[in-house]
Every structure is written in structure tokens, then in C-alpha cells.
Amino acid sequence: MTYSRLKIIYFFLALSFSFTHSAHSQEQAQFNITGVLKDGLSGQLIAGAIVTLRETAFSAVTGEDGSFSINNVYNDRFVLNINLSGYQSYQVQFNVKDDLDLGTVKLFPMGYENPEDMALQRTIRATNIAELFSKRPNFIGGNQVFGIPPEPKRLIGNYYLDPKWNKASILLYRENEIMEGYFVRYNIASNNFELRGEDSEQVTVLPGLRVQNIVWVDSEFNVPRYFVNGMDFKDEGVPISGFFEVLVDGKIPLVRRTLALIKASNYNTALMVGERNDQIVKRNTYYYLLEGEVIAIPKQKKKFYKIFGENAEEIESFVKENAVNIKQPSGYFTIFTHYNSNYEGFEALVPKLVDN
């Protein structure tokens, strides 16, 4: 059979499927998906971007006003992709239950980096993830799902950084692809992210090695939390496995790393005292970033103040005047926020420190 004949056969098969699918769709309610595309840096409207619903024939191209409209969409779960040469690709998952207005979607140039030497070197979709909760109610599931508690056997606890499912925005290394509309949780031990869709119990695994950075909105405190891949930093010249949470960004960022350790049982059979089971214990270590190196926050006062170089005396005065405890995480957060706020372009990532 020739290649041309095969093409004809495939064409008619696809056409037959299209007619069948179309007839089936007409029996269902039909909805419209709309939105406006803008450049995330300049704010200019973007024309000519291709907007598609993955694995369907639904598509649109943004007009001169940046708007797009995909019409006659049936009730189902979809993954929407937006692609345009020179820009990071964009992906979001949602359920279509009614007409859906995505509002303003921002695309960022391929390989965009912040001009300042900060922890969040590459674009992370803080703007869009915030809009998911404030301006796009169609994305809100309203079904906060908590992690399944481990069986009370020999090992007590879990390896999740946060056992709750939190809605996230993910930036992948490959082609700077952005994924949105998924609920995620991070397994510290395996360095994998578990993903599931809204109103879905099906879970897929995304290796942490593929993720450049991620922001999720904590479903309990309703604040964004930012995480960057340790592979982009070094500890004494060696790349690090796992993720760091960026607590304060700026000239000298403050980051946190959480490790999950097993605390062995100390049960004394003869005396019948102690803990019977092994336990998974999570411990936080705080670091500051300097020229791509992660350095643990020193415990000694003199070494601590030296972090801030020529500003050491000013920071020490600030600590004394405000009775800041430099041995507590809340104290680190306050001090690094104060220091970095003295430099132009500083923006606080989170209003307060959120514990795991």
C-alpha cells in the first residue's frame, strides 16, 4: 500500500470521527471559552498566538486586540495550550461546565530572566496563580483535599512537604513550558510532584528534575509559596537535589529547605515506656543565597551580622530597636525582609512566614 493511499485512508477515518464527534457534541450543551493574551513584560496585546484544547479539534488564534474565543465546546475536562514563537508555552487544565472567561493570560518571552540577581531568576507565574483564585472563580474547585493519612503501622507520618493538595503554577525546564490548573503536593523523599486535576482522583507523577520552579497557593492560609529547584544552586560547588522555598527574594534571598528524616522507636519493652513506632520527622534548615551558593544561617551573632556586609551595624541596630529574635525563623524573615526592602525593585513574596 502506497504512502499516498495511507494518507487518504487516515483522512477519511479522521473525517468520520469528526462527524461522529460533532453529532455527539450537538446532543450536549455547548459553551464558549474566551480570554485576552498580553505580553507579561510590556503589557502589550499579543496577536497571532495559537490557542488549542489538547487532543481535540477546538482551536483559535488571537486577534489584533489579543482576544480569542473557542466556541461550541462541550461539557468536559480539557487542557488548554497557548503557543507563539519566541514565548514560553502556556498550559492550563480546567473543567468546562459553563461559558468560561479566562480573563487576561500573560505570556513571557522565551528564556526571560529578571535583571536583578535574585533567587527567582526565571519567570514564575505569581500573577496568574493569584488570578486563579481572585478573578477566575471557574477554576476554584472549593473542594480542599487533604492527604490520605498513612496507615498506623511501623512508620508514622508522611513524606509530603504539605499533605494538602494546593493549586499550583509550574515552570518546566523543557522549553520553559508553564502548567497551570493542577493541584499538587511534593514528596520530599522521592523528589517528585504528584498532580491531579480539579474534580479528579487520578494522580500522575511529575519528576522534580523536570521542574524549574513552582508556586502554589496554600489552601489553608491562602498565600502563595514559591519553590525553586536546588539544581540551580550549589552547596560548596556541588548542585543540590530537592527544592528550596524562597521566603524573601532580593539582593540576599532567604530560603528554606525541608528534609524528612526517620526517628527510630525508643520503646523499652521491659519498662513499657517510650514511642513504639518509628516516625517521619520534618526539619527545616534556613539558608541565604550568595552568588549561586546556598549558605546555612550561622547561629553565632557576629557571623550572622557579617552576612550583611557594610550594612551589618544598621541591621544590628534594627534588631535591638525592634527586639527581633535572630535565632528564630520569624526573626530571619523580618531581618531579611528589612534588609532587601532597602533596594530598588523589592517586592515581598509573602506577607508572613508559613510553617509546613
Protein backbone atom coordinates (compact mmCIF):
# COMPACT_ATOMS: atom_id res chain seq x y z
CA MET A 1 0.00 0.00 0.00
CA THR A 2 1.46 3.35 -1.03
CA TYR A 3 2.06 6.26 1.33
CA SER A 4 -0.48 8.40 -0.56
CA ARG A 5 -3.15 5.71 -0.17
CA LEU A 6 -2.44 5.54 3.56
CA LYS A 7 -2.85 9.31 3.83
CA ILE A 8 -6.24 9.13 2.12
CA ILE A 9 -7.40 6.34 4.45
CA TYR A 10 -6.29 8.27 7.53
CA PHE A 11 -8.00 11.38 6.20
CA PHE A 12 -11.37 9.66 5.82
CA LEU A 13 -11.01 7.95 9.20
CA ALA A 14 -10.37 11.33 10.81
CA LEU A 15 -13.28 12.84 8.89
CA SER A 16 -15.58 10.04 10.02
CA PHE A 17 -14.51 10.57 13.63
CA SER A 18 -15.08 14.30 13.29
CA PHE A 19 -18.67 13.81 12.06
CA THR A 20 -19.40 11.27 14.81
CA HIS A 21 -17.85 13.53 17.43
CA SER A 22 -19.76 16.52 16.08
CA ALA A 23 -23.09 14.70 16.21
CA HIS A 24 -22.37 13.60 19.76
CA SER A 25 -21.40 17.14 20.78
CA GLN A 26 -24.61 18.59 19.40
CA GLU A 27 -26.55 16.47 21.85
CA GLN A 28 -24.75 18.18 24.73
CA ALA A 29 -24.80 21.76 25.97
CA GLN A 30 -22.22 23.93 24.23
CA PHE A 31 -20.15 26.67 25.81
CA ASN A 32 -17.62 29.34 24.84
CA ILE A 33 -14.08 29.81 26.18
CA THR A 34 -12.72 33.36 25.89
CA GLY A 35 -9.70 35.33 27.04
CA VAL A 36 -7.16 38.04 26.25
CA LEU A 37 -3.43 37.47 25.73
CA LYS A 38 -0.81 40.01 26.84
CA ASP A 39 2.97 40.24 26.98
CA GLY A 40 3.93 39.71 30.63
CA LEU A 41 6.72 42.30 30.45
CA SER A 42 5.42 45.10 28.24
CA GLY A 43 1.70 44.61 28.80
CA GLN A 44 1.10 44.80 25.05
CA LEU A 45 -1.65 42.72 23.48
CA ILE A 46 -0.43 39.63 21.63
CA ALA A 47 -1.83 38.70 18.22
CA GLY A 48 -1.29 35.51 16.23
CA ALA A 49 -0.91 33.09 19.16
CA ILE A 50 -2.38 29.62 18.63
CA VAL A 51 -4.83 28.52 21.33
CA THR A 52 -5.87 24.85 21.32
CA LEU A 53 -7.65 22.33 23.51
CA ARG A 54 -5.34 19.34 23.63
CA GLU A 55 -6.46 16.20 21.79
CA THR A 56 -9.48 17.96 20.26
CA ALA A 57 -10.24 19.94 17.10
CA PHE A 58 -11.07 23.05 19.12
CA SER A 59 -8.69 25.95 18.45
CA ALA A 60 -8.43 29.70 17.93
CA VAL A 61 -5.90 32.37 17.01
CA THR A 62 -5.63 35.61 18.98
CA GLY A 63 -6.69 38.74 17.08
CA GLU A 64 -5.11 42.19 16.96
CA ASP A 65 -6.78 43.01 20.27
CA GLY A 66 -5.21 39.90 21.86
CA SER A 67 -8.57 38.23 22.34
CA PHE A 68 -9.55 34.68 21.46
CA SER A 69 -12.77 32.69 21.55
CA ILE A 70 -13.24 28.93 21.27
CA ASN A 71 -16.90 28.24 20.60
CA ASN A 72 -19.32 25.33 20.92
CA VAL A 73 -17.23 23.45 23.49
CA TYR A 74 -18.99 20.59 25.28
CA ASN A 75 -19.00 19.82 28.98
CA ASP A 76 -15.75 18.02 29.81
CA ARG A 77 -12.27 18.41 31.30
CA PHE A 78 -9.69 19.98 28.94
CA VAL A 79 -6.07 21.06 28.80
CA LEU A 80 -5.65 24.39 27.01
CA ASN A 81 -2.34 25.17 25.30
CA ILE A 82 -1.13 28.57 24.06
CA ASN A 83 1.89 28.71 21.76
CA LEU A 84 3.67 31.52 19.95
CA SER A 85 7.20 31.62 18.59
CA GLY A 86 9.54 33.48 20.92
CA TYR A 87 7.35 32.99 24.00
CA GLN A 88 7.16 30.40 26.75
CA SER A 89 4.37 27.95 26.05
CA TYR A 90 1.43 28.03 28.43
CA GLN A 91 -0.81 25.22 29.68
CA VAL A 92 -3.80 25.18 31.98
CA GLN A 93 -6.29 22.48 32.93
CA PHE A 94 -9.96 23.17 33.72
CA ASN A 95 -13.48 21.75 33.62
CA VAL A 96 -15.98 23.32 31.24
CA LYS A 97 -19.38 23.49 32.93
CA ASP A 98 -20.49 26.88 31.63
CA ASP A 99 -19.19 29.74 29.49
CA LEU A 100 -15.62 30.30 30.71
CA ASP A 101 -13.80 33.65 30.67
CA LEU A 102 -10.09 33.15 31.37
CA GLY A 103 -9.53 36.87 31.76
CA THR A 104 -6.03 38.16 30.96
CA VAL A 105 -3.41 35.49 30.32
CA LYS A 106 0.21 36.65 30.26
CA LEU A 107 2.95 35.12 28.13
CA PHE A 108 6.61 35.77 28.86
CA PRO A 109 9.49 35.79 26.35
CA MET A 110 11.46 32.57 25.99
CA GLY A 111 14.36 32.47 28.45
CA TYR A 112 13.27 35.63 30.25
CA GLU A 113 15.36 36.38 33.32
CA ASN A 114 14.92 39.04 35.94
CA PRO A 115 17.52 41.79 35.64
CA GLU A 116 18.36 41.59 39.32
CA ASP A 117 20.45 38.81 40.81
CA MET A 118 17.66 37.19 42.78
CA ALA A 119 16.60 33.69 43.70
CA LEU A 120 13.66 33.60 41.30
CA GLN A 121 15.82 34.01 38.21
CA ARG A 122 13.23 32.84 35.73
CA THR A 123 9.61 33.80 35.38
CA ILE A 124 7.26 32.18 37.83
CA ARG A 125 3.57 32.77 37.32
CA ALA A 126 2.71 34.52 40.58
CA THR A 127 0.36 36.86 38.74
CA ASN A 128 -1.61 34.14 37.01
CA ILE A 129 -1.81 31.86 40.03
CA ALA A 130 -3.21 34.73 42.09
CA GLU A 131 -5.79 35.43 39.39
CA LEU A 132 -6.85 31.78 39.52
CA PHE A 133 -8.21 32.46 42.99
CA SER A 134 -9.35 36.09 42.78
CA LYS A 135 -10.51 36.72 39.23
CA ARG A 136 -11.27 33.32 37.73
CA PRO A 137 -13.81 31.65 40.02
CA ASN A 138 -14.47 28.95 37.41
CA PHE A 139 -11.11 27.46 38.35
CA ILE A 140 -11.90 27.24 42.05
CA GLY A 141 -12.90 23.74 42.98
CA GLY A 142 -13.99 24.57 46.51
CA ASN A 143 -13.03 21.03 47.41
CA GLN A 144 -9.90 21.30 49.50
CA VAL A 145 -8.50 17.79 49.58
CA PHE A 146 -6.19 16.62 52.31
CA GLY A 147 -3.59 13.90 52.01
CA ILE A 148 -4.54 10.36 52.82
CA PRO A 149 -3.16 9.62 56.29
CA PRO A 150 -0.62 6.85 56.44
CA GLU A 151 -1.62 3.52 57.91
CA PRO A 152 -0.64 3.34 61.59
CA LYS A 153 1.85 0.55 61.21
CA ARG A 154 5.56 0.61 61.83
CA LEU A 155 6.29 4.00 60.33
CA ILE A 156 4.19 7.00 61.41
CA GLY A 157 3.92 10.17 59.32
CA ASN A 158 4.29 11.05 55.65
CA TYR A 159 6.96 12.37 53.29
CA TYR A 160 4.91 15.26 51.88
CA LEU A 161 6.16 18.80 52.35
CA ASP A 162 2.48 19.67 52.71
CA PRO A 163 -0.02 16.79 52.66
CA LYS A 164 -2.80 19.08 51.41
CA TRP A 165 -3.46 19.44 47.69
CA ASN A 166 -2.69 23.02 46.65
CA LYS A 167 -3.40 24.63 43.29
CA ALA A 168 -0.15 25.43 41.50
CA SER A 169 1.63 27.07 38.62
CA ILE A 170 4.62 25.08 37.37
CA LEU A 171 7.53 26.17 35.18
CA LEU A 172 9.32 23.26 33.47
CA TYR A 173 12.91 23.27 32.25
CA ARG A 174 11.99 21.98 28.79
CA GLU A 175 11.14 24.92 26.54
CA ASN A 176 10.11 26.91 29.63
CA GLU A 177 6.65 25.33 29.45
CA ILE A 178 4.18 26.59 32.03
CA MET A 179 1.49 24.33 33.52
CA GLU A 180 -1.47 25.68 35.47
CA GLY A 181 -4.77 24.48 36.85
CA TYR A 182 -3.39 21.42 38.63
CA PHE A 183 -3.48 20.52 42.31
CA VAL A 184 -0.08 19.35 43.55
CA ARG A 185 1.82 18.07 46.53
CA TYR A 186 5.54 17.41 46.84
CA ASN A 187 7.12 14.19 48.10
CA ILE A 188 10.40 15.12 49.77
CA ALA A 189 11.84 11.59 49.83
CA SER A 190 11.28 10.80 46.14
CA ASN A 191 11.74 14.40 44.89
CA ASN A 192 8.55 14.01 42.84
CA PHE A 193 5.42 16.11 42.47
CA GLU A 194 2.04 14.44 42.46
CA LEU A 195 -0.53 16.14 40.22
CA ARG A 196 -4.25 15.76 39.85
CA GLY A 197 -6.94 17.70 38.04
CA GLU A 198 -9.86 19.52 39.57
CA ASP A 199 -12.71 17.13 40.46
CA SER A 200 -10.45 14.19 39.64
CA GLU A 201 -8.96 11.47 41.81
CA GLN A 202 -6.48 10.34 39.15
CA VAL A 203 -2.92 11.18 40.21
CA THR A 204 0.11 11.47 37.93
CA VAL A 205 3.75 11.87 38.96
CA LEU A 206 5.99 14.65 37.68
CA PRO A 207 9.72 14.13 38.47
CA GLY A 208 11.24 17.05 40.32
CA LEU A 209 14.17 17.01 37.88
CA ARG A 210 11.82 18.42 35.22
CA VAL A 211 10.54 21.31 37.35
CA GLN A 212 12.45 24.59 37.37
CA ASN A 213 10.26 26.37 39.87
CA ILE A 214 6.74 26.21 41.20
CA VAL A 215 4.34 28.47 43.08
CA TRP A 216 1.31 27.11 44.84
CA VAL A 217 -1.38 28.85 46.88
CA ASP A 218 -1.57 27.35 50.35
CA SER A 219 -5.18 26.18 50.68
CA GLU A 220 -5.17 26.79 54.44
CA PHE A 221 -3.56 30.24 54.65
CA ASN A 222 -4.47 31.38 51.08
CA VAL A 223 -0.98 32.79 50.44
CA PRO A 224 1.43 31.90 47.62
CA ARG A 225 4.51 29.80 48.35
CA TYR A 226 7.48 29.80 45.98
CA PHE A 227 9.87 26.90 45.38
CA VAL A 228 12.99 26.68 43.20
CA ASN A 229 14.96 23.63 42.14
CA GLY A 230 18.17 23.11 44.09
CA MET A 231 19.90 22.04 40.89
CA ASP A 232 20.20 25.73 40.04
CA PHE A 233 22.23 26.37 43.20
CA LYS A 234 25.35 24.87 44.73
CA ASP A 235 26.50 23.81 48.16
CA GLU A 236 30.29 24.09 48.27
CA GLY A 237 30.31 23.87 44.48
CA VAL A 238 28.02 20.83 44.23
CA PRO A 239 24.44 21.01 42.78
CA ILE A 240 21.70 20.12 45.24
CA SER A 241 18.84 17.66 44.89
CA GLY A 242 15.44 18.81 46.04
CA PHE A 243 13.63 22.14 46.34
CA PHE A 244 14.13 25.30 48.34
CA GLU A 245 11.29 27.57 49.39
CA VAL A 246 12.04 31.22 48.69
CA LEU A 247 10.84 33.18 51.72
CA VAL A 248 12.40 36.55 50.90
CA ASP A 249 13.75 37.47 47.47
CA GLY A 250 16.12 40.33 46.71
CA LYS A 251 19.81 41.17 46.92
CA ILE A 252 20.39 38.48 49.57
CA PRO A 253 17.50 35.97 49.39
CA LEU A 254 16.35 33.90 52.35
CA VAL A 255 15.41 30.31 51.52
CA ARG A 256 14.30 27.24 53.45
CA ARG A 257 14.90 23.57 52.82
CA THR A 258 12.80 20.85 54.44
CA LEU A 259 14.16 17.35 54.93
CA ALA A 260 12.19 14.29 56.03
CA LEU A 261 14.07 12.09 58.48
CA ILE A 262 13.14 8.87 60.25
CA LYS A 263 13.23 8.99 64.03
CA ALA A 264 13.73 5.45 65.33
CA SER A 265 11.50 3.97 68.00
CA ASN A 266 12.81 4.32 71.56
CA TYR A 267 10.33 1.90 73.13
CA ASN A 268 11.58 -0.02 76.16
CA THR A 269 9.79 -3.36 76.27
CA ALA A 270 10.78 -4.15 79.83
CA LEU A 271 9.60 -0.80 81.23
CA MET A 272 6.82 -0.40 78.66
CA VAL A 273 7.70 3.24 78.07
CA GLY A 274 8.69 5.27 75.02
CA GLU A 275 7.45 5.51 71.45
CA ARG A 276 6.53 2.18 69.87
CA ASN A 277 6.77 3.25 66.23
CA ASP A 278 9.34 4.86 64.00
CA GLN A 279 8.33 8.37 62.98
CA ILE A 280 8.91 10.57 59.94
CA VAL A 281 10.10 13.93 61.23
CA LYS A 282 10.41 17.03 59.04
CA ARG A 283 13.14 19.51 59.84
CA ASN A 284 13.73 22.93 58.34
CA THR A 285 17.12 24.48 57.65
CA TYR A 286 17.41 28.15 56.67
CA TYR A 287 19.92 29.50 54.17
CA TYR A 288 20.86 32.67 52.39
CA LEU A 289 21.98 32.82 48.77
CA LEU A 290 25.19 34.46 47.66
CA GLU A 291 26.39 34.23 44.05
CA GLY A 292 24.53 30.98 43.46
CA GLU A 293 25.78 29.31 46.65
CA VAL A 294 23.45 28.27 49.47
CA ILE A 295 24.94 29.05 52.88
CA ALA A 296 23.38 27.99 56.17
CA ILE A 297 22.33 30.80 58.50
CA PRO A 298 25.02 30.91 61.23
CA LYS A 299 24.00 30.57 64.86
CA GLN A 300 26.61 32.97 66.25
CA LYS A 301 25.62 36.66 66.37
CA LYS A 302 28.87 38.02 64.95
CA LYS A 303 28.78 35.66 61.99
CA PHE A 304 25.11 36.36 61.44
CA TYR A 305 25.57 40.11 61.12
CA LYS A 306 28.52 39.63 58.77
CA ILE A 307 26.05 38.31 56.18
CA PHE A 308 25.00 41.90 55.50
CA GLY A 309 28.50 43.29 54.94
CA GLU A 310 28.68 47.08 55.22
CA ASN A 311 25.09 47.11 56.47
CA ALA A 312 25.91 44.91 59.48
CA GLU A 313 25.77 47.74 62.04
CA GLU A 314 22.47 49.06 60.69
CA ILE A 315 20.94 45.57 60.84
CA GLU A 316 22.20 45.10 64.42
CA SER A 317 20.59 48.39 65.44
CA PHE A 318 17.34 47.37 63.74
CA VAL A 319 17.34 44.07 65.66
CA LYS A 320 17.89 45.80 69.02
CA GLU A 321 15.31 48.54 68.42
CA ASN A 322 12.62 46.08 67.37
CA ALA A 323 13.52 43.24 69.77
CA VAL A 324 13.92 40.77 66.90
CA ASN A 325 14.99 37.23 67.84
CA ILE A 326 17.81 36.33 65.44
CA LYS A 327 17.66 32.67 66.44
CA GLN A 328 14.09 32.11 65.27
CA PRO A 329 12.78 31.67 61.69
CA SER A 330 10.36 34.56 62.21
CA GLY A 331 13.35 36.71 63.10
CA TYR A 332 15.20 35.69 59.92
CA PHE A 333 12.13 36.59 57.90
CA THR A 334 11.82 40.02 59.50
CA ILE A 335 15.52 40.86 59.14
CA PHE A 336 15.95 39.72 55.53
CA THR A 337 12.73 41.50 54.56
CA HIS A 338 14.01 44.72 56.14
CA TYR A 339 17.44 44.43 54.51
CA ASN A 340 16.19 43.68 51.00
CA SER A 341 13.49 46.35 51.18
CA ASN A 342 16.25 48.98 51.10
CA TYR A 343 16.99 48.08 47.46
CA GLU A 344 15.01 49.29 44.48
CA GLY A 345 12.57 46.83 42.95
CA PHE A 346 12.00 44.83 46.14
CA GLU A 347 8.61 43.18 46.49
CA ALA A 348 7.62 40.97 49.38
CA LEU A 349 6.71 37.49 48.15
CA VAL A 350 4.58 36.58 51.16
CA PRO A 351 3.07 38.74 53.91
CA LYS A 352 4.08 36.34 56.66
CA LEU A 353 6.09 33.20 57.29
CA VAL A 354 4.10 30.00 56.78
CA ASP A 355 5.26 26.86 58.53
CA ASN A 356 4.95 23.46 56.84
